[in-house]
Amino acid sequence: MDDKTIQRNLQTSIILFVLCLIVTIAAALLQWTEITIAMGVLAVVQAYIIYVWWHRKRHRKPHFQHKPYERA
């Protein structure tokens, strides 16, 4: 993946994370327990996806990185 794709995916994940947090807070204030739990779980998943994209952005690897084949 190129840097533009990683940056775009990272930005999209951050936007979805913020939206999940906003809906979680609104649902908690309206005492909608099921929606609060569901959106909280989605916020945690988005936080993990942000971590993955951030890690991928910081630690670039060559796309085709093969180890030499060794026979036993």
PDB file of N, CA and C in Angstrom:
ATOM      1  N   MET A   1       0.836  -1.181   0.000  1.00  0.00           N
ATOM      2  CA  MET A   1       0.000   0.000   0.000  1.00  0.00           C
ATOM      3  C   MET A   1       0.881   1.244   0.000  1.00  0.00           C
ATOM      4  N   ASP A   2       0.393   2.247  -0.666  1.00  0.00           N
ATOM      5  CA  ASP A   2       1.160   3.477  -0.697  1.00  0.00           C
ATOM      6  C   ASP A   2       0.749   4.375   0.478  1.00  0.00           C
ATOM      7  N   ASP A   3       1.498   5.462   0.651  1.00  0.00           N
ATOM      8  CA  ASP A   3       1.262   6.351   1.789  1.00  0.00           C
ATOM      9  C   ASP A   3      -0.103   7.027   1.734  1.00  0.00           C
ATOM     10  N   LYS A   4      -0.587   7.328   0.537  1.00  0.00           N
ATOM     11  CA  LYS A   4      -1.887   7.991   0.418  1.00  0.00           C
ATOM     12  C   LYS A   4      -3.008   7.082   0.900  1.00  0.00           C
ATOM     13  N   THR A   5      -2.933   5.815   0.564  1.00  0.00           N
ATOM     14  CA  THR A   5      -3.964   4.861   0.994  1.00  0.00           C
ATOM     15  C   THR A   5      -3.954   4.705   2.500  1.00  0.00           C
ATOM     16  N   ILE A   6      -2.779   4.577   3.068  1.00  0.00           N
ATOM     17  CA  ILE A   6      -2.667   4.434   4.521  1.00  0.00           C
ATOM     18  C   ILE A   6      -3.187   5.683   5.213  1.00  0.00           C
ATOM     19  N   GLN A   7      -2.809   6.852   4.713  1.00  0.00           N
ATOM     20  CA  GLN A   7      -3.272   8.110   5.307  1.00  0.00           C
ATOM     21  C   GLN A   7      -4.787   8.240   5.211  1.00  0.00           C
ATOM     22  N   ARG A   8      -5.362   7.883   4.064  1.00  0.00           N
ATOM     23  CA  ARG A   8      -6.813   7.971   3.870  1.00  0.00           C
ATOM     24  C   ARG A   8      -7.540   6.996   4.807  1.00  0.00           C
ATOM     25  N   ASN A   9      -7.042   5.781   4.948  1.00  0.00           N
ATOM     26  CA  ASN A   9      -7.665   4.812   5.845  1.00  0.00           C
ATOM     27  C   ASN A   9      -7.553   5.250   7.297  1.00  0.00           C
ATOM     28  N   LEU A  10      -6.424   5.849   7.657  1.00  0.00           N
ATOM     29  CA  LEU A  10      -6.248   6.349   9.012  1.00  0.00           C
ATOM     30  C   LEU A  10      -7.235   7.482   9.299  1.00  0.00           C
ATOM     31  N   GLN A  11      -7.392   8.405   8.366  1.00  0.00           N
ATOM     32  CA  GLN A  11      -8.338   9.506   8.553  1.00  0.00           C
ATOM     33  C   GLN A  11      -9.774   9.009   8.648  1.00  0.00           C
ATOM     34  N   THR A  12     -10.125   8.039   7.826  1.00  0.00           N
ATOM     35  CA  THR A  12     -11.479   7.481   7.869  1.00  0.00           C
ATOM     36  C   THR A  12     -11.745   6.799   9.203  1.00  0.00           C
ATOM     37  N   SER A  13     -10.779   6.062   9.703  1.00  0.00           N
ATOM     38  CA  SER A  13     -10.943   5.386  10.993  1.00  0.00           C
ATOM     39  C   SER A  13     -11.080   6.386  12.135  1.00  0.00           C
ATOM     40  N   ILE A  14     -10.339   7.475  12.070  1.00  0.00           N
ATOM     41  CA  ILE A  14     -10.447   8.498  13.117  1.00  0.00           C
ATOM     42  C   ILE A  14     -11.827   9.146  13.091  1.00  0.00           C
ATOM     43  N   ILE A  15     -12.338   9.445  11.897  1.00  0.00           N
ATOM     44  CA  ILE A  15     -13.681  10.036  11.785  1.00  0.00           C
ATOM     45  C   ILE A  15     -14.739   9.078  12.330  1.00  0.00           C
ATOM     46  N   LEU A  16     -14.645   7.797  11.975  1.00  0.00           N
ATOM     47  CA  LEU A  16     -15.612   6.817  12.488  1.00  0.00           C
ATOM     48  C   LEU A  16     -15.501   6.658  14.003  1.00  0.00           C
ATOM     49  N   PHE A  17     -14.284   6.722  14.541  1.00  0.00           N
ATOM     50  CA  PHE A  17     -14.083   6.625  15.986  1.00  0.00           C
ATOM     51  C   PHE A  17     -14.766   7.799  16.698  1.00  0.00           C
ATOM     52  N   VAL A  18     -14.584   8.997  16.181  1.00  0.00           N
ATOM     53  CA  VAL A  18     -15.202  10.178  16.793  1.00  0.00           C
ATOM     54  C   VAL A  18     -16.724  10.080  16.718  1.00  0.00           C
ATOM     55  N   LEU A  19     -17.255   9.638  15.577  1.00  0.00           N
ATOM     56  CA  LEU A  19     -18.708   9.473  15.455  1.00  0.00           C
ATOM     57  C   LEU A  19     -19.239   8.422  16.424  1.00  0.00           C
ATOM     58  N   CYS A  20     -18.505   7.333  16.591  1.00  0.00           N
ATOM     59  CA  CYS A  20     -18.921   6.296  17.548  1.00  0.00           C
ATOM     60  C   CYS A  20     -18.947   6.850  18.968  1.00  0.00           C
ATOM     61  N   LEU A  21     -17.947   7.648  19.316  1.00  0.00           N
ATOM     62  CA  LEU A  21     -17.926   8.242  20.657  1.00  0.00           C
ATOM     63  C   LEU A  21     -19.097   9.206  20.863  1.00  0.00           C
ATOM     64  N   ILE A  22     -19.405  10.002  19.847  1.00  0.00           N
ATOM     65  CA  ILE A  22     -20.522  10.950  19.958  1.00  0.00           C
ATOM     66  C   ILE A  22     -21.841  10.198  20.147  1.00  0.00           C
ATOM     67  N   VAL A  23     -22.062   9.156  19.354  1.00  0.00           N
ATOM     68  CA  VAL A  23     -23.302   8.376  19.471  1.00  0.00           C
ATOM     69  C   VAL A  23     -23.340   7.630  20.807  1.00  0.00           C
ATOM     70  N   THR A  24     -22.189   7.147  21.274  1.00  0.00           N
ATOM     71  CA  THR A  24     -22.140   6.458  22.574  1.00  0.00           C
ATOM     72  C   THR A  24     -22.542   7.403  23.697  1.00  0.00           C
ATOM     73  N   ILE A  25     -22.021   8.613  23.688  1.00  0.00           N
ATOM     74  CA  ILE A  25     -22.358   9.592  24.732  1.00  0.00           C
ATOM     75  C   ILE A  25     -23.834   9.975  24.648  1.00  0.00           C
ATOM     76  N   ALA A  26     -24.333  10.206  23.433  1.00  0.00           N
ATOM     77  CA  ALA A  26     -25.748  10.566  23.267  1.00  0.00           C
ATOM     78  C   ALA A  26     -26.659   9.436  23.727  1.00  0.00           C
ATOM     79  N   ALA A  27     -26.313   8.205  23.380  1.00  0.00           N
ATOM     80  CA  ALA A  27     -27.137   7.058  23.799  1.00  0.00           C
ATOM     81  C   ALA A  27     -27.083   6.865  25.311  1.00  0.00           C
ATOM     82  N   ALA A  28     -25.925   7.128  25.907  1.00  0.00           N
ATOM     83  CA  ALA A  28     -25.819   7.000  27.364  1.00  0.00           C
ATOM     84  C   ALA A  28     -26.674   8.056  28.058  1.00  0.00           C
ATOM     85  N   LEU A  29     -26.676   9.265  27.510  1.00  0.00           N
ATOM     86  CA  LEU A  29     -27.489  10.323  28.114  1.00  0.00           C
ATOM     87  C   LEU A  29     -28.981  10.035  27.970  1.00  0.00           C
ATOM     88  N   LEU A  30     -29.375   9.377  26.888  1.00  0.00           N
ATOM     89  CA  LEU A  30     -30.786   9.026  26.681  1.00  0.00           C
ATOM     90  C   LEU A  30     -31.141   7.684  27.308  1.00  0.00           C
ATOM     91  N   GLN A  31     -30.169   7.053  27.956  1.00  0.00           N
ATOM     92  CA  GLN A  31     -30.337   5.774  28.662  1.00  0.00           C
ATOM     93  C   GLN A  31     -30.790   4.653  27.735  1.00  0.00           C
ATOM     94  N   TRP A  32     -30.176   4.600  26.547  1.00  0.00           N
ATOM     95  CA  TRP A  32     -30.391   3.493  25.620  1.00  0.00           C
ATOM     96  C   TRP A  32     -29.230   2.521  25.811  1.00  0.00           C
ATOM     97  N   THR A  33     -29.410   1.565  26.676  1.00  0.00           N
ATOM     98  CA  THR A  33     -28.329   0.689  27.094  1.00  0.00           C
ATOM     99  C   THR A  33     -27.761  -0.130  25.949  1.00  0.00           C
ATOM    100  N   GLU A  34     -28.613  -0.745  25.139  1.00  0.00           N
ATOM    101  CA  GLU A  34     -28.132  -1.611  24.059  1.00  0.00           C
ATOM    102  C   GLU A  34     -27.313  -0.830  23.036  1.00  0.00           C
ATOM    103  N   ILE A  35     -27.796   0.350  22.676  1.00  0.00           N
ATOM    104  CA  ILE A  35     -27.078   1.168  21.699  1.00  0.00           C
ATOM    105  C   ILE A  35     -25.769   1.672  22.292  1.00  0.00           C
ATOM    106  N   THR A  36     -25.792   2.017  23.579  1.00  0.00           N
ATOM    107  CA  THR A  36     -24.568   2.466  24.246  1.00  0.00           C
ATOM    108  C   THR A  36     -23.509   1.379  24.218  1.00  0.00           C
ATOM    109  N   ILE A  37     -23.888   0.153  24.526  1.00  0.00           N
ATOM    110  CA  ILE A  37     -22.942  -0.961  24.531  1.00  0.00           C
ATOM    111  C   ILE A  37     -22.428  -1.235  23.119  1.00  0.00           C
ATOM    112  N   ALA A  38     -23.340  -1.271  22.157  1.00  0.00           N
ATOM    113  CA  ALA A  38     -22.942  -1.559  20.774  1.00  0.00           C
ATOM    114  C   ALA A  38     -21.991  -0.493  20.232  1.00  0.00           C
ATOM    115  N   MET A  39     -22.287   0.754  20.445  1.00  0.00           N
ATOM    116  CA  MET A  39     -21.431   1.827  19.937  1.00  0.00           C
ATOM    117  C   MET A  39     -20.121   1.887  20.702  1.00  0.00           C
ATOM    118  N   GLY A  40     -20.140   1.535  21.976  1.00  0.00           N
ATOM    119  CA  GLY A  40     -18.886   1.455  22.741  1.00  0.00           C
ATOM    120  C   GLY A  40     -17.968   0.385  22.184  1.00  0.00           C
ATOM    121  N   VAL A  41     -18.550  -0.764  21.832  1.00  0.00           N
ATOM    122  CA  VAL A  41     -17.764  -1.841  21.229  1.00  0.00           C
ATOM    123  C   VAL A  41     -17.214  -1.403  19.868  1.00  0.00           C
ATOM    124  N   LEU A  42     -18.047  -0.748  19.067  1.00  0.00           N
ATOM    125  CA  LEU A  42     -17.570  -0.253  17.768  1.00  0.00           C
ATOM    126  C   LEU A  42     -16.467   0.796  17.936  1.00  0.00           C
ATOM    127  N   ALA A  43     -16.554   1.618  18.973  1.00  0.00           N
ATOM    128  CA  ALA A  43     -15.501   2.605  19.227  1.00  0.00           C
ATOM    129  C   ALA A  43     -14.189   1.915  19.577  1.00  0.00           C
ATOM    130  N   VAL A  44     -14.263   0.843  20.353  1.00  0.00           N
ATOM    131  CA  VAL A  44     -13.046   0.096  20.700  1.00  0.00           C
ATOM    132  C   VAL A  44     -12.451  -0.559  19.448  1.00  0.00           C
ATOM    133  N   VAL A  45     -13.304  -1.112  18.599  1.00  0.00           N
ATOM    134  CA  VAL A  45     -12.823  -1.719  17.353  1.00  0.00           C
ATOM    135  C   VAL A  45     -12.161  -0.662  16.471  1.00  0.00           C
ATOM    136  N   GLN A  46     -12.763   0.504  16.362  1.00  0.00           N
ATOM    137  CA  GLN A  46     -12.168   1.573  15.562  1.00  0.00           C
ATOM    138  C   GLN A  46     -10.837   2.033  16.156  1.00  0.00           C
ATOM    139  N   ALA A  47     -10.740   2.074  17.474  1.00  0.00           N
ATOM    140  CA  ALA A  47      -9.469   2.448  18.103  1.00  0.00           C
ATOM    141  C   ALA A  47      -8.386   1.433  17.741  1.00  0.00           C
ATOM    142  N   TYR A  48      -8.732   0.156  17.712  1.00  0.00           N
ATOM    143  CA  TYR A  48      -7.767  -0.871  17.317  1.00  0.00           C
ATOM    144  C   TYR A  48      -7.354  -0.706  15.847  1.00  0.00           C
ATOM    145  N   ILE A  49      -8.322  -0.420  14.988  1.00  0.00           N
ATOM    146  CA  ILE A  49      -8.009  -0.223  13.569  1.00  0.00           C
ATOM    147  C   ILE A  49      -7.112   1.003  13.388  1.00  0.00           C
ATOM    148  N   ILE A  50      -7.365   2.063  14.165  1.00  0.00           N
ATOM    149  CA  ILE A  50      -6.492   3.243  14.116  1.00  0.00           C
ATOM    150  C   ILE A  50      -5.079   2.856  14.517  1.00  0.00           C
ATOM    151  N   TYR A  51      -4.948   2.041  15.569  1.00  0.00           N
ATOM    152  CA  TYR A  51      -3.622   1.591  16.005  1.00  0.00           C
ATOM    153  C   TYR A  51      -2.922   0.806  14.889  1.00  0.00           C
ATOM    154  N   VAL A  52      -3.649  -0.070  14.217  1.00  0.00           N
ATOM    155  CA  VAL A  52      -3.057  -0.865  13.143  1.00  0.00           C
ATOM    156  C   VAL A  52      -2.570   0.030  12.014  1.00  0.00           C
ATOM    157  N   TRP A  53      -3.408   0.978  11.567  1.00  0.00           N
ATOM    158  CA  TRP A  53      -3.001   1.868  10.476  1.00  0.00           C
ATOM    159  C   TRP A  53      -1.853   2.774  10.888  1.00  0.00           C
ATOM    160  N   TRP A  54      -1.866   3.248  12.146  1.00  0.00           N
ATOM    161  CA  TRP A  54      -0.787   4.108  12.635  1.00  0.00           C
ATOM    162  C   TRP A  54       0.531   3.333  12.659  1.00  0.00           C
ATOM    163  N   HIS A  55       0.460   2.085  13.109  1.00  0.00           N
ATOM    164  CA  HIS A  55       1.652   1.241  13.153  1.00  0.00           C
ATOM    165  C   HIS A  55       2.169   0.976  11.736  1.00  0.00           C
ATOM    166  N   ARG A  56       1.262   0.732  10.816  1.00  0.00           N
ATOM    167  CA  ARG A  56       1.649   0.477   9.436  1.00  0.00           C
ATOM    168  C   ARG A  56       2.259   1.725   8.788  1.00  0.00           C
ATOM    169  N   LYS A  57       1.772   2.882   9.190  1.00  0.00           N
ATOM    170  CA  LYS A  57       2.302   4.129   8.653  1.00  0.00           C
ATOM    171  C   LYS A  57       3.726   4.372   9.166  1.00  0.00           C
ATOM    172  N   ARG A  58       3.972   4.043  10.422  1.00  0.00           N
ATOM    173  CA  ARG A  58       5.267   4.314  11.021  1.00  0.00           C
ATOM    174  C   ARG A  58       6.323   3.276  10.683  1.00  0.00           C
ATOM    175  N   HIS A  59       5.919   2.025  10.498  1.00  0.00           N
ATOM    176  CA  HIS A  59       6.862   0.939  10.248  1.00  0.00           C
ATOM    177  C   HIS A  59       6.624   0.361   8.862  1.00  0.00           C
ATOM    178  N   ARG A  60       7.227   0.978   7.883  1.00  0.00           N
ATOM    179  CA  ARG A  60       7.058   0.536   6.495  1.00  0.00           C
ATOM    180  C   ARG A  60       7.911  -0.703   6.236  1.00  0.00           C
ATOM    181  N   LYS A  61       7.351  -1.656   5.507  1.00  0.00           N
ATOM    182  CA  LYS A  61       8.076  -2.855   5.083  1.00  0.00           C
ATOM    183  C   LYS A  61       7.967  -2.960   3.569  1.00  0.00           C
ATOM    184  N   PRO A  62       8.959  -3.521   2.936  1.00  0.00           N
ATOM    185  CA  PRO A  62       8.820  -3.780   1.500  1.00  0.00           C
ATOM    186  C   PRO A  62       7.632  -4.712   1.248  1.00  0.00           C
ATOM    187  N   HIS A  63       6.948  -4.489   0.139  1.00  0.00           N
ATOM    188  CA  HIS A  63       5.732  -5.255  -0.131  1.00  0.00           C
ATOM    189  C   HIS A  63       6.018  -6.740  -0.333  1.00  0.00           C
ATOM    190  N   PHE A  64       7.054  -7.053  -1.103  1.00  0.00           N
ATOM    191  CA  PHE A  64       7.401  -8.448  -1.354  1.00  0.00           C
ATOM    192  C   PHE A  64       8.675  -8.772  -0.600  1.00  0.00           C
ATOM    193  N   GLN A  65       8.517  -9.185   0.632  1.00  0.00           N
ATOM    194  CA  GLN A  65       9.669  -9.519   1.457  1.00  0.00           C
ATOM    195  C   GLN A  65       9.618 -11.023   1.729  1.00  0.00           C
ATOM    196  N   HIS A  66      10.506 -11.760   1.063  1.00  0.00           N
ATOM    197  CA  HIS A  66      10.520 -13.210   1.207  1.00  0.00           C
ATOM    198  C   HIS A  66      11.794 -13.648   1.913  1.00  0.00           C
ATOM    199  N   LYS A  67      11.630 -14.637   2.745  1.00  0.00           N
ATOM    200  CA  LYS A  67      12.806 -15.233   3.373  1.00  0.00           C
ATOM    201  C   LYS A  67      13.389 -16.267   2.420  1.00  0.00           C
ATOM    202  N   PRO A  68      14.684 -16.437   2.467  1.00  0.00           N
ATOM    203  CA  PRO A  68      15.257 -17.490   1.591  1.00  0.00           C
ATOM    204  C   PRO A  68      14.739 -18.868   1.997  1.00  0.00           C
ATOM    205  N   TYR A  69      14.474 -19.669   1.006  1.00  0.00           N
ATOM    206  CA  TYR A  69      13.938 -21.000   1.254  1.00  0.00           C
ATOM    207  C   TYR A  69      15.070 -21.919   1.712  1.00  0.00           C
ATOM    208  N   GLU A  70      14.843 -22.611   2.823  1.00  0.00           N
ATOM    209  CA  GLU A  70      15.853 -23.533   3.353  1.00  0.00           C
ATOM    210  C   GLU A  70      15.257 -24.944   3.380  1.00  0.00           C
ATOM    211  N   ARG A  71      16.041 -25.897   2.932  1.00  0.00           N
ATOM    212  CA  ARG A  71      15.601 -27.289   3.014  1.00  0.00           C
ATOM    213  C   ARG A  71      16.086 -27.908   4.318  1.00  0.00           C
ATOM    214  N   ALA A  72      15.254 -28.733   4.873  1.00  0.00           N
ATOM    215  CA  ALA A  72      15.594 -29.378   6.146  1.00  0.00           C
ATOM    216  C   ALA A  72      16.504 -30.580   5.936  1.00  0.00           C
TER     217      ALA A  72
END
